[in-house]
Protein backbone atom coordinates (compact mmCIF):
# COMPACT_ATOMS: atom_id res chain seq x y z
CA MET A 1 10.68 12.34 47.92
CA ASN A 2 8.37 9.88 49.63
CA GLN A 3 6.54 9.41 46.35
CA LEU A 4 9.83 8.57 44.59
CA PHE A 5 10.66 6.01 47.27
CA GLN A 6 7.25 4.42 46.76
CA ILE A 7 7.72 4.31 42.99
CA ILE A 8 11.22 2.81 43.02
CA ASN A 9 10.07 0.09 45.39
CA HIS A 10 7.79 -1.28 42.68
CA PHE A 11 10.96 -2.27 40.80
CA SER A 12 13.08 -5.35 41.54
CA ILE A 13 16.02 -3.50 43.02
CA THR A 14 18.61 -4.73 45.52
CA GLY A 15 20.21 -2.86 48.41
CA ASN A 16 18.81 -0.30 50.80
CA ILE A 17 18.15 3.12 49.31
CA THR A 18 19.84 6.06 51.01
CA ASP A 19 19.01 8.88 48.59
CA ILE A 20 17.12 9.77 45.44
CA LYS A 21 18.32 12.94 43.73
CA PRO A 22 17.89 14.69 40.36
CA PHE A 23 20.39 13.46 37.81
CA GLY A 24 21.72 14.57 34.43
CA SER A 25 20.93 17.51 32.16
CA GLY A 26 18.31 16.02 29.84
CA HIS A 27 15.32 18.12 28.82
CA ILE A 28 12.79 15.41 27.93
CA HIS A 29 12.38 13.03 30.87
CA GLU A 30 12.55 13.64 34.63
CA THR A 31 15.58 11.68 35.78
CA TYR A 32 16.81 10.69 39.24
CA ARG A 33 19.76 8.76 40.58
CA VAL A 34 18.82 6.20 43.21
CA VAL A 35 21.71 5.69 45.64
CA THR A 36 22.08 2.53 47.71
CA GLU A 37 23.99 2.19 50.95
CA THR A 38 26.81 -0.21 50.04
CA ASP A 39 29.46 -0.49 47.34
CA THR A 40 28.31 -4.02 46.50
CA ALA A 41 24.73 -3.05 45.57
CA ASP A 42 23.87 -1.30 42.32
CA ASP A 43 22.72 2.27 42.09
CA TYR A 44 19.85 2.97 39.70
CA VAL A 45 18.47 5.58 37.31
CA LEU A 46 14.76 6.26 37.75
CA GLN A 47 12.97 8.14 34.96
CA GLN A 48 9.51 9.50 34.41
CA ILE A 49 8.90 9.16 30.67
CA ASN A 50 7.66 12.29 28.93
CA THR A 51 4.47 10.99 27.31
CA ASN A 52 3.89 14.28 25.51
CA VAL A 53 6.94 13.45 23.38
CA PHE A 54 6.65 9.65 23.46
CA ARG A 55 2.94 9.02 23.27
CA ASP A 56 3.29 5.25 23.10
CA PRO A 57 5.56 4.42 26.05
CA GLU A 58 4.67 0.74 25.73
CA ALA A 59 6.27 0.72 22.28
CA VAL A 60 9.33 2.59 23.58
CA MET A 61 9.87 0.12 26.40
CA HIS A 62 9.10 -2.89 24.17
CA ASN A 63 11.94 -1.78 21.88
CA ILE A 64 14.34 -1.01 24.71
CA GLY A 65 13.65 -4.34 26.40
CA LEU A 66 14.17 -6.29 23.18
CA VAL A 67 17.31 -4.43 22.10
CA THR A 68 19.09 -4.44 25.45
CA GLU A 69 18.32 -8.11 26.05
CA HIS A 70 19.65 -9.01 22.61
CA ILE A 71 22.88 -7.06 23.09
CA GLY A 72 23.26 -8.28 26.67
CA LYS A 73 23.08 -11.93 25.63
CA LYS A 74 25.75 -11.39 22.99
CA LEU A 75 28.05 -9.64 25.43
CA LYS A 76 27.71 -12.40 28.02
CA ALA A 77 28.27 -15.10 25.40
CA SER A 78 31.50 -13.36 24.39
CA GLY A 79 32.80 -13.66 27.96
CA MET A 80 33.31 -9.91 28.31
CA SER A 81 34.17 -9.19 31.93
CA ASP A 82 32.38 -5.82 32.11
CA ALA A 83 29.35 -6.74 30.00
CA GLY A 84 27.03 -5.01 32.47
CA ARG A 85 28.64 -1.65 31.68
CA ARG A 86 28.37 -2.04 27.89
CA VAL A 87 24.61 -2.00 27.53
CA LEU A 88 21.75 -0.39 29.41
CA THR A 89 20.01 -2.83 31.77
CA PRO A 90 16.31 -2.15 32.39
CA VAL A 91 15.05 -3.17 35.81
CA LYS A 92 11.69 -4.95 35.76
CA LEU A 93 8.85 -4.45 38.18
CA ARG A 94 8.27 -7.08 40.82
CA ASP A 95 5.43 -8.43 38.66
CA GLY A 96 7.76 -8.81 35.67
CA GLN A 97 6.62 -5.76 33.70
CA ILE A 98 9.17 -3.25 32.34
CA MET A 99 7.44 0.03 33.30
CA TYR A 100 5.17 1.39 36.02
CA ARG A 101 2.12 3.66 35.83
CA ASP A 102 1.40 5.56 39.03
CA HIS A 103 -1.97 6.73 40.33
CA ALA A 104 -1.69 9.89 38.20
CA ASN A 105 -1.03 7.78 35.07
CA LYS A 106 2.59 8.94 34.92
CA VAL A 107 4.92 6.35 33.42
CA TRP A 108 8.16 5.33 35.11
CA ARG A 109 11.11 3.12 34.22
CA CYS A 110 14.35 2.13 35.89
CA PHE A 111 17.85 1.20 34.71
CA VAL A 112 20.93 -0.09 36.50
CA PHE A 113 23.32 2.86 36.92
CA ILE A 114 26.54 2.44 34.92
CA THR A 115 29.38 3.45 37.24
CA ASN A 116 32.01 6.10 36.50
CA PRO A 117 30.94 7.04 32.98
CA LYS A 118 32.10 10.13 31.11
CA THR A 119 29.92 12.07 28.69
CA TYR A 120 30.69 14.96 26.36
CA ASP A 121 28.49 17.55 24.69
CA ARG A 122 31.07 18.28 21.98
CA ALA A 123 33.82 16.24 20.40
CA VAL A 124 37.28 17.48 21.37
CA SER A 125 39.67 15.10 19.56
CA ASP A 126 40.02 12.74 16.61
CA GLU A 127 40.38 9.82 19.02
CA GLN A 128 37.15 10.69 20.81
CA VAL A 129 35.28 10.91 17.49
CA TYR A 130 36.80 7.58 16.43
CA GLU A 131 35.53 5.99 19.66
CA GLY A 132 32.09 7.49 19.04
CA GLY A 133 32.08 5.98 15.55
CA LYS A 134 33.02 2.59 16.97
CA ALA A 135 30.25 2.80 19.59
CA TYR A 136 27.51 3.54 17.07
CA GLY A 137 28.89 1.07 14.53
CA ASN A 138 29.05 -1.66 17.16
CA PHE A 139 25.50 -0.88 18.29
CA LEU A 140 24.20 -1.46 14.75
CA TRP A 141 26.33 -4.56 14.28
CA MET A 142 25.06 -6.07 17.53
CA LEU A 143 21.49 -5.65 16.29
CA SER A 144 22.11 -6.75 12.69
CA ASP A 145 20.66 -10.23 13.29
CA LEU A 146 17.53 -8.96 15.09
CA PRO A 147 14.67 -8.54 12.57
CA ALA A 148 13.65 -4.91 12.17
CA SER A 149 10.03 -6.10 11.98
CA ASN A 150 10.27 -6.93 15.71
CA ILE A 151 10.79 -3.24 16.55
CA ARG A 152 7.92 -0.74 16.78
CA GLU A 153 7.89 2.80 15.44
CA THR A 154 7.92 5.16 18.42
CA ILE A 155 7.81 8.46 16.48
CA PRO A 156 6.07 7.91 13.12
CA GLY A 157 7.95 9.43 10.18
CA PHE A 158 10.83 10.67 12.33
CA HIS A 159 13.44 10.51 9.53
CA ASP A 160 11.04 10.22 6.59
CA LEU A 161 12.32 12.80 4.11
CA ASP A 162 9.17 12.71 1.99
CA LEU A 163 7.10 13.55 5.08
CA ARG A 164 9.45 16.42 5.96
CA LEU A 165 9.32 17.72 2.37
CA ASN A 166 5.52 17.61 2.38
CA GLN A 167 5.42 19.50 5.67
CA PHE A 168 7.90 22.05 4.28
CA GLU A 169 5.91 22.57 1.08
CA ASP A 170 2.67 22.96 3.06
CA ALA A 171 4.36 25.59 5.23
CA CYS A 172 5.56 27.43 2.11
CA ARG A 173 1.92 27.68 1.00
CA THR A 174 0.08 28.24 4.27
CA GLY A 175 2.69 29.60 6.69
CA LEU A 176 3.13 33.15 7.92
CA LYS A 177 3.26 35.35 4.82
CA GLU A 178 5.89 37.75 6.08
CA ARG A 179 8.17 34.84 7.01
CA ILE A 180 7.68 33.19 3.63
CA THR A 181 8.76 36.43 1.98
CA GLU A 182 11.67 36.87 4.39
CA THR A 183 13.06 33.38 3.70
CA ARG A 184 12.55 33.28 -0.07
CA HIS A 185 16.27 32.62 -0.60
CA GLU A 186 16.36 29.69 1.87
CA ILE A 187 13.15 28.23 0.44
CA GLU A 188 14.55 28.27 -3.09
CA LEU A 189 17.90 26.86 -2.00
CA LEU A 190 16.30 23.90 -0.23
CA SER A 191 13.73 23.31 -2.96
CA THR A 192 16.37 22.98 -5.70
CA ARG A 193 18.14 20.19 -3.79
CA LYS A 194 15.18 17.94 -3.01
CA ASP A 195 15.57 15.48 -5.89
CA GLU A 196 19.17 14.60 -5.04
CA MET A 197 18.36 14.48 -1.34
CA ARG A 198 15.68 11.84 -2.00
CA THR A 199 18.24 9.42 -3.50
CA ILE A 200 18.74 7.30 -0.37
CA LEU A 201 15.01 7.13 0.31
CA GLN A 202 14.38 5.95 -3.25
CA LEU A 203 17.11 3.30 -2.95
CA GLY A 204 15.42 2.08 0.21
CA LYS A 205 12.02 1.93 -1.44
CA SER A 206 13.50 -0.10 -4.30
CA GLY A 207 15.00 -2.60 -1.84
CA ARG A 208 18.63 -1.85 -2.65
CA ILE A 209 19.16 -0.51 0.88
CA PRO A 210 17.74 -2.73 3.65
CA VAL A 211 15.69 -1.56 6.60
CA ARG A 212 17.67 -2.10 9.79
CA ILE A 213 17.30 -1.35 13.49
CA VAL A 214 18.99 2.03 14.01
CA HIS A 215 19.39 4.48 16.87
CA HIS A 216 18.07 7.71 15.25
CA ASP A 217 19.68 10.12 17.76
CA THR A 218 23.42 9.72 17.29
CA LYS A 219 24.89 12.67 19.16
CA ILE A 220 28.17 12.35 21.03
CA ASN A 221 26.39 12.85 24.37
CA ASN A 222 24.51 9.61 23.78
CA VAL A 223 27.78 7.67 24.05
CA LEU A 224 29.18 6.79 27.46
CA PHE A 225 32.98 6.74 27.71
CA ASP A 226 35.16 5.06 30.32
CA ILE A 227 37.84 6.81 32.35
CA ASN A 228 40.39 6.07 29.60
CA GLY A 229 38.29 7.74 26.93
CA ARG A 230 37.13 4.50 25.31
CA GLY A 231 33.52 4.12 24.23
CA LEU A 232 31.51 2.02 26.66
CA CYS A 233 27.99 1.92 25.29
CA VAL A 234 25.22 3.82 23.55
CA ILE A 235 22.38 5.26 25.63
CA ASP A 236 19.08 7.12 25.08
CA LEU A 237 17.34 4.32 23.20
CA ASP A 238 13.89 5.92 23.02
CA THR A 239 14.18 6.54 19.27
CA VAL A 240 15.49 3.08 18.34
CA MET A 241 13.32 2.22 15.35
CA PRO A 242 13.47 0.63 11.91
CA GLY A 243 15.37 2.79 9.42
CA PHE A 244 18.40 2.99 7.17
CA VAL A 245 22.00 2.87 8.36
CA HIS A 246 22.32 6.29 6.72
CA ASP A 247 19.99 7.80 9.33
CA ASP A 248 22.59 7.12 12.01
CA PHE A 249 25.77 7.72 10.02
CA GLY A 250 24.49 10.93 8.45
CA ASP A 251 23.21 12.47 11.67
CA SER A 252 26.43 11.53 13.45
CA ILE A 253 28.45 13.46 10.89
CA ARG A 254 26.05 16.39 11.17
CA THR A 255 26.54 16.61 14.93
CA PHE A 256 30.12 15.34 15.45
CA THR A 257 31.89 17.35 12.72
CA ASN A 258 30.25 20.79 13.02
CA THR A 259 32.86 23.29 14.23
CA GLY A 260 30.09 25.63 15.39
CA GLU A 261 26.84 25.23 17.25
CA GLU A 262 23.65 23.82 15.76
CA ASP A 263 22.07 27.27 16.15
CA ASP A 264 25.23 29.36 15.78
CA ALA A 265 24.41 33.03 15.14
CA ASN A 266 27.87 33.56 13.62
CA LEU A 267 27.99 31.55 10.42
CA ASP A 268 31.76 32.07 10.23
CA ASN A 269 32.08 29.62 13.14
CA ILE A 270 30.54 26.81 11.10
CA SER A 271 32.50 24.40 8.93
CA MET A 272 32.85 20.64 8.62
CA ASN A 273 35.90 19.13 10.33
CA ILE A 274 37.04 16.65 7.68
CA THR A 275 39.48 14.92 10.03
CA TYR A 276 36.55 14.22 12.36
CA PHE A 277 34.65 12.83 9.39
CA GLU A 278 37.50 10.43 8.67
CA ALA A 279 37.84 9.45 12.34
CA PHE A 280 34.14 8.73 12.77
CA ALA A 281 33.88 6.83 9.48
CA ARG A 282 36.94 4.73 10.36
CA GLY A 283 35.55 3.72 13.75
CA PHE A 284 32.05 3.15 12.38
CA LEU A 285 33.17 0.97 9.47
CA GLU A 286 35.59 -1.03 11.62
CA GLN A 287 32.57 -2.18 13.60
CA ALA A 288 29.70 -2.17 11.10
CA GLY A 289 31.40 -2.38 7.71
CA SER A 290 31.07 -6.15 7.38
CA MET A 291 27.27 -6.02 7.69
CA LEU A 292 26.73 -3.33 5.04
CA ASN A 293 26.13 -4.00 1.36
CA GLN A 294 28.02 -2.03 -1.26
CA VAL A 295 25.11 0.31 -2.00
CA GLU A 296 24.88 1.25 1.66
CA LYS A 297 28.59 2.07 1.72
CA ASP A 298 28.42 4.02 -1.54
CA TYR A 299 25.90 6.46 -0.06
CA LEU A 300 27.32 6.98 3.44
CA ALA A 301 28.92 10.29 2.48
CA LEU A 302 25.72 11.56 0.88
CA SER A 303 23.78 10.69 4.02
CA ALA A 304 25.61 13.44 5.92
CA ARG A 305 24.31 16.01 3.46
CA VAL A 306 20.82 14.45 3.50
CA MET A 307 20.47 14.54 7.29
CA THR A 308 21.75 18.12 7.47
CA TYR A 309 19.34 19.06 4.67
CA MET A 310 16.46 17.39 6.53
CA GLN A 311 17.24 19.28 9.73
CA SER A 312 17.35 22.53 7.74
CA LEU A 313 13.90 21.69 6.37
CA ARG A 314 12.53 20.98 9.83
CA PHE A 315 13.81 24.21 11.36
CA LEU A 316 12.58 26.34 8.45
CA THR A 317 9.20 24.58 8.40
CA ASP A 318 8.72 25.40 12.07
CA TYR A 319 9.76 29.02 11.49
CA LEU A 320 7.24 29.41 8.65
CA ASN A 321 4.51 27.84 10.79
CA GLY A 322 5.09 30.24 13.68
CA ASP A 323 7.41 28.17 15.92
CA ILE A 324 4.95 25.50 17.02
CA TYR A 325 7.32 22.54 17.44
CA TYR A 326 10.82 23.47 18.61
CA ARG A 327 11.38 25.41 21.79
CA ILE A 328 12.80 28.83 20.92
CA HIS A 329 14.72 31.40 22.96
CA HIS A 330 14.05 34.41 20.73
CA PRO A 331 11.71 35.16 17.80
CA ASN A 332 14.27 34.37 15.07
CA HIS A 333 15.71 31.27 16.72
CA ASN A 334 14.40 28.78 14.15
CA LEU A 335 15.61 30.98 11.30
CA GLN A 336 19.01 31.18 12.97
CA ARG A 337 19.04 27.39 13.27
CA THR A 338 18.03 27.04 9.63
CA ARG A 339 20.82 29.26 8.38
CA ALA A 340 23.38 27.49 10.55
CA GLN A 341 22.36 24.09 9.16
CA ILE A 342 22.35 25.38 5.59
CA LYS A 343 25.89 26.71 6.09
CA LEU A 344 26.99 23.29 7.35
CA MET A 345 25.28 21.59 4.40
CA LYS A 346 27.13 23.87 1.97
CA CYS A 347 30.43 23.04 3.68
CA MET A 348 29.66 19.36 3.18
CA GLU A 349 28.94 20.00 -0.49
CA VAL A 350 32.37 21.61 -0.91
CA SER A 351 34.05 18.65 0.85
CA PHE A 352 31.88 15.97 -0.75
CA ASP A 353 34.45 14.51 -3.16
CA LYS A 354 36.94 14.20 -0.32
CA MET A 355 34.29 12.56 1.88
CA GLN A 356 33.58 10.03 -0.87
CA ARG A 357 37.27 9.21 -1.26
CA ILE A 358 37.62 8.65 2.49
CA ILE A 359 34.72 6.17 2.53
CA THR A 360 36.16 4.35 -0.48
CA SER A 361 39.61 4.14 1.11
CA LEU A 362 38.12 2.60 4.28
CA GLY A 363 36.44 -0.14 2.28
C-alpha cells in the first residue's frame, strides 16, 4: 500500500488520499481506485499496464492521450455540462508525462474516476443495445476528423484477416496431428469461406473503404452507462488503432447479439438476436452514419460474419497449436470456443438477408 501511495503521488492529483483499493474485474491490468477525502475532489483510477500484452506502452498512451484530448475538446466546445464524464481523462505526471515507470520498470497510468457509472457484461434489452450502438458510433464520429496516421499500432495485425488466415493455415500443416484429424470438419468449413470473408479487406486495400481510427474491442462492458441507462462514454482504449469501421461494427454484433456465451458448451443456447442487431445498427448509424461512404454501409452486415469467422479462426488456430495463446480452463476449451463461434456464424448466415435489409432501411 505504501508503494501505491508513492506511485500515485507522481501524478498531478488533487485532494488528500484516504484509501487505495483494488477495483474492477479486468484480467489484463492491475487496477486500483484511489479515494480522496472530500466530495469536491476527484477520485482516480490507478493502473499498472500489463506490458506482456501491450509491449509498447508508450504507443498505447500516445494514442489514448491524443484520442481523449481530441474528444474532450469537442465536448467542451459543444458546451456539454457533464463533458468530464463523457470521455476518459488521463492524469499527467507532475513533469507533464502521461505514464510512470517505477524502479522495477513497471508502467503505471492514472485516470480521473467517472462517478456513478453502470457497466454490464451482457445486453439485457433492445434499449441498452441501442445505447451501446450510439456510444460506439459517437466514438468513431468524434474521431472522424483526426488523421488515422497520427495513431500508432499497439498490437500489430490485431484484426488483419490475412494474417489470421496465414496463422490458421500454418497450424493446419504443423499443428498437433491428432487435433488436426479431430477438427477436419471445422477446418474444411472455415477454409471454404475464406474468399468471401476477405471481401472487406480487399475493398480496403483497393481504397474503396478508408482507414479510420477505431476501437477494436467493442464489447458492451466497454461502455459506461449512467443511472438512467443512457450511454456515457467508451472505455478501455488500449486497442484504439487504425482500421476499418467494420472492425468495430462487426465485433459489436458478434458480442452484443449472441444469445449464448462465447464459449458455450451447449450449442443450442447460441443464436443471433436479430432485434438486437437492429437496435445496435440503429444507434450506431444515428451517430456515425453521416461519416460513412456507401461502400462502408453496404458491407456492415457482412462485417458481423467476418469478425465471427475471424474469431473462429483464432480459437481453432490456438487449439491446433496446443493452446499457446488463450487461457484455457480445460483441455478442449479452445475447441469448445471454436464450435460456439462457428454456430453463431452459421446463424448470421441464415439471417444475412434480413440483416442487409435492416441496414438498407436505416440508410
